[in-house]
Amino acid sequence: MIIRYSQLVMPQDANVIGTLFGGQMVSWMDISASKAVHRFLKDTDAEVALTRAIDAIEFKEPVYVGNWVNFEARILKTGKSSILIQIDAFKETKSVEKALACTAQFTFVSVKKLDDGSFEKVNHNKSVG
């Protein structure tokens, strides 16, 4: 299952050379991965999943103010509490419908809130597929 999420690049999202600030791209990718994990964890004991690691990221094409960034997230594999997500970010311009701008893999861990307000890892008892 592919989860989609989109953002329009605004002037406040740009760096000093006028392209999308890399940290903003990473933040949007994290949100995209979170959306995929949220849907994956339905009907499990996990309340939420948190970003554990950014395992890989590669910026491939510059993205400019006024471009759309369309994210596609999919879960690659799961462990007992871990979830590995692939996120591809495609830029969309007036002349280009879909060009891969950035690709990354994030690892999330599923957690559950305890009575004392702290969180602990929880087995989500679910696999991809």
Protein backbone atom coordinates (compact mmCIF):
# COMPACT_ATOMS: atom_id res chain seq x y z
CA MET A 1 0.00 0.00 0.00
CA ILE A 2 1.33 3.43 -0.96
CA ILE A 3 0.42 6.40 1.24
CA ARG A 4 0.48 9.81 -0.42
CA TYR A 5 1.07 13.27 1.04
CA SER A 6 1.79 16.60 -0.71
CA GLN A 7 3.28 19.99 0.15
CA LEU A 8 3.65 23.22 -1.81
CA VAL A 9 7.10 24.81 -1.42
CA MET A 10 6.67 28.35 -0.10
CA PRO A 11 9.34 31.10 0.25
CA GLN A 12 9.84 30.35 3.96
CA ASP A 13 10.79 26.74 3.00
CA ALA A 14 13.77 27.85 0.87
CA ASN A 15 17.45 27.99 1.77
CA VAL A 16 19.90 30.80 0.91
CA ILE A 17 20.24 29.67 -2.72
CA GLY A 18 16.49 29.51 -3.32
CA THR A 19 15.93 25.76 -3.25
CA LEU A 20 13.97 23.73 -0.71
CA PHE A 21 15.85 23.60 2.61
CA GLY A 22 16.96 20.01 3.20
CA GLY A 23 15.74 20.04 6.80
CA GLN A 24 12.25 20.94 5.61
CA MET A 25 12.32 18.05 3.14
CA VAL A 26 13.33 15.68 5.95
CA SER A 27 10.53 17.00 8.18
CA TRP A 28 7.94 16.45 5.45
CA MET A 29 9.31 12.95 4.80
CA ASP A 30 8.96 12.18 8.51
CA ILE A 31 5.32 13.30 8.39
CA SER A 32 4.75 11.15 5.31
CA ALA A 33 6.27 8.12 7.04
CA SER A 34 4.17 8.85 10.14
CA LYS A 35 1.01 8.80 8.05
CA ALA A 36 1.91 5.37 6.63
CA VAL A 37 2.70 4.02 10.11
CA HIS A 38 -0.52 5.47 11.54
CA ARG A 39 -2.55 3.49 9.03
CA PHE A 40 -0.43 0.37 9.49
CA LEU A 41 -0.95 0.34 13.28
CA LYS A 42 -4.75 0.35 13.17
CA ASP A 43 -6.17 -2.63 15.08
CA THR A 44 -2.91 -3.23 17.00
CA ASP A 45 -1.88 -2.77 20.64
CA ALA A 46 0.44 0.10 19.67
CA GLU A 47 -0.88 3.60 20.30
CA VAL A 48 1.62 5.33 18.05
CA ALA A 49 5.03 4.88 16.44
CA LEU A 50 7.98 7.21 16.80
CA THR A 51 10.91 7.92 14.50
CA ARG A 52 13.84 5.78 15.62
CA ALA A 53 16.29 6.44 12.80
CA ILE A 54 16.78 7.87 9.36
CA ASP A 55 18.61 4.97 7.81
CA ALA A 56 19.36 6.55 4.44
CA ILE A 57 18.56 9.74 2.57
CA GLU A 58 19.62 11.00 -0.83
CA PHE A 59 18.80 14.37 -2.35
CA LYS A 60 18.60 13.86 -6.11
CA GLU A 61 17.08 17.00 -7.68
CA PRO A 62 16.66 20.58 -6.46
CA VAL A 63 13.12 21.70 -5.61
CA TYR A 64 12.18 25.35 -5.99
CA VAL A 65 9.64 27.72 -4.46
CA GLY A 66 6.32 27.14 -6.22
CA ASN A 67 6.98 23.45 -6.90
CA TRP A 68 4.81 20.79 -5.35
CA VAL A 69 6.47 17.91 -3.51
CA ASN A 70 4.45 14.69 -3.66
CA PHE A 71 5.49 12.00 -1.19
CA GLU A 72 4.91 8.29 -1.56
CA ALA A 73 5.52 6.16 1.52
CA ARG A 74 5.38 2.39 1.76
CA ILE A 75 6.30 -0.04 4.49
CA LEU A 76 9.14 -2.32 3.45
CA LYS A 77 9.40 -4.62 6.45
CA THR A 78 8.54 -4.97 10.10
CA GLY A 79 10.08 -6.44 13.21
CA LYS A 80 8.46 -7.00 16.59
CA SER A 81 8.16 -3.29 17.28
CA SER A 82 10.08 -1.77 14.36
CA ILE A 83 8.72 -0.60 11.03
CA LEU A 84 10.94 0.26 8.04
CA ILE A 85 9.42 2.79 5.63
CA GLN A 86 10.58 3.87 2.17
CA ILE A 87 9.68 7.46 1.26
CA ASP A 88 10.11 8.87 -2.23
CA ALA A 89 9.61 12.59 -2.79
CA PHE A 90 8.72 13.69 -6.31
CA LYS A 91 8.77 17.30 -7.42
CA GLU A 92 6.02 18.56 -9.68
CA THR A 93 6.45 21.71 -11.76
CA LYS A 94 4.49 23.35 -14.57
CA SER A 95 6.56 21.40 -17.11
CA VAL A 96 7.48 18.23 -15.16
CA GLU A 97 4.77 16.04 -13.71
CA LYS A 98 6.96 13.70 -11.64
CA ALA A 99 10.72 13.83 -10.99
CA LEU A 100 12.36 12.02 -8.08
CA ALA A 101 13.80 14.74 -5.84
CA CYS A 102 14.66 12.80 -2.69
CA THR A 103 14.50 9.25 -1.39
CA ALA A 104 14.88 7.96 2.16
CA GLN A 105 14.33 5.09 4.55
CA PHE A 106 13.08 5.69 8.08
CA THR A 107 12.76 3.25 10.96
CA PHE A 108 9.91 3.75 13.41
CA VAL A 109 9.22 1.92 16.66
CA SER A 110 5.71 1.23 17.93
CA VAL A 111 4.98 2.30 21.51
CA LYS A 112 2.24 2.29 24.11
CA LYS A 113 1.67 4.78 26.93
CA LEU A 114 1.98 3.44 30.47
CA ASP A 115 -0.10 4.51 33.48
CA ASP A 116 2.75 6.73 34.75
CA GLY A 117 2.77 8.69 31.47
CA SER A 118 5.94 7.16 30.06
CA PHE A 119 6.08 5.09 26.89
CA GLU A 120 7.45 1.64 26.17
CA LYS A 121 8.05 -0.33 23.00
CA VAL A 122 5.21 -2.66 22.17
CA ASN A 123 4.94 -5.59 19.78
CA HIS A 124 2.53 -4.49 17.07
CA ASN A 125 1.92 -8.14 16.05
CA LYS A 126 1.55 -7.21 12.41
CA SER A 127 3.53 -7.82 9.25
CA VAL A 128 3.62 -6.21 5.84
CA GLY A 129 1.18 -7.59 3.37
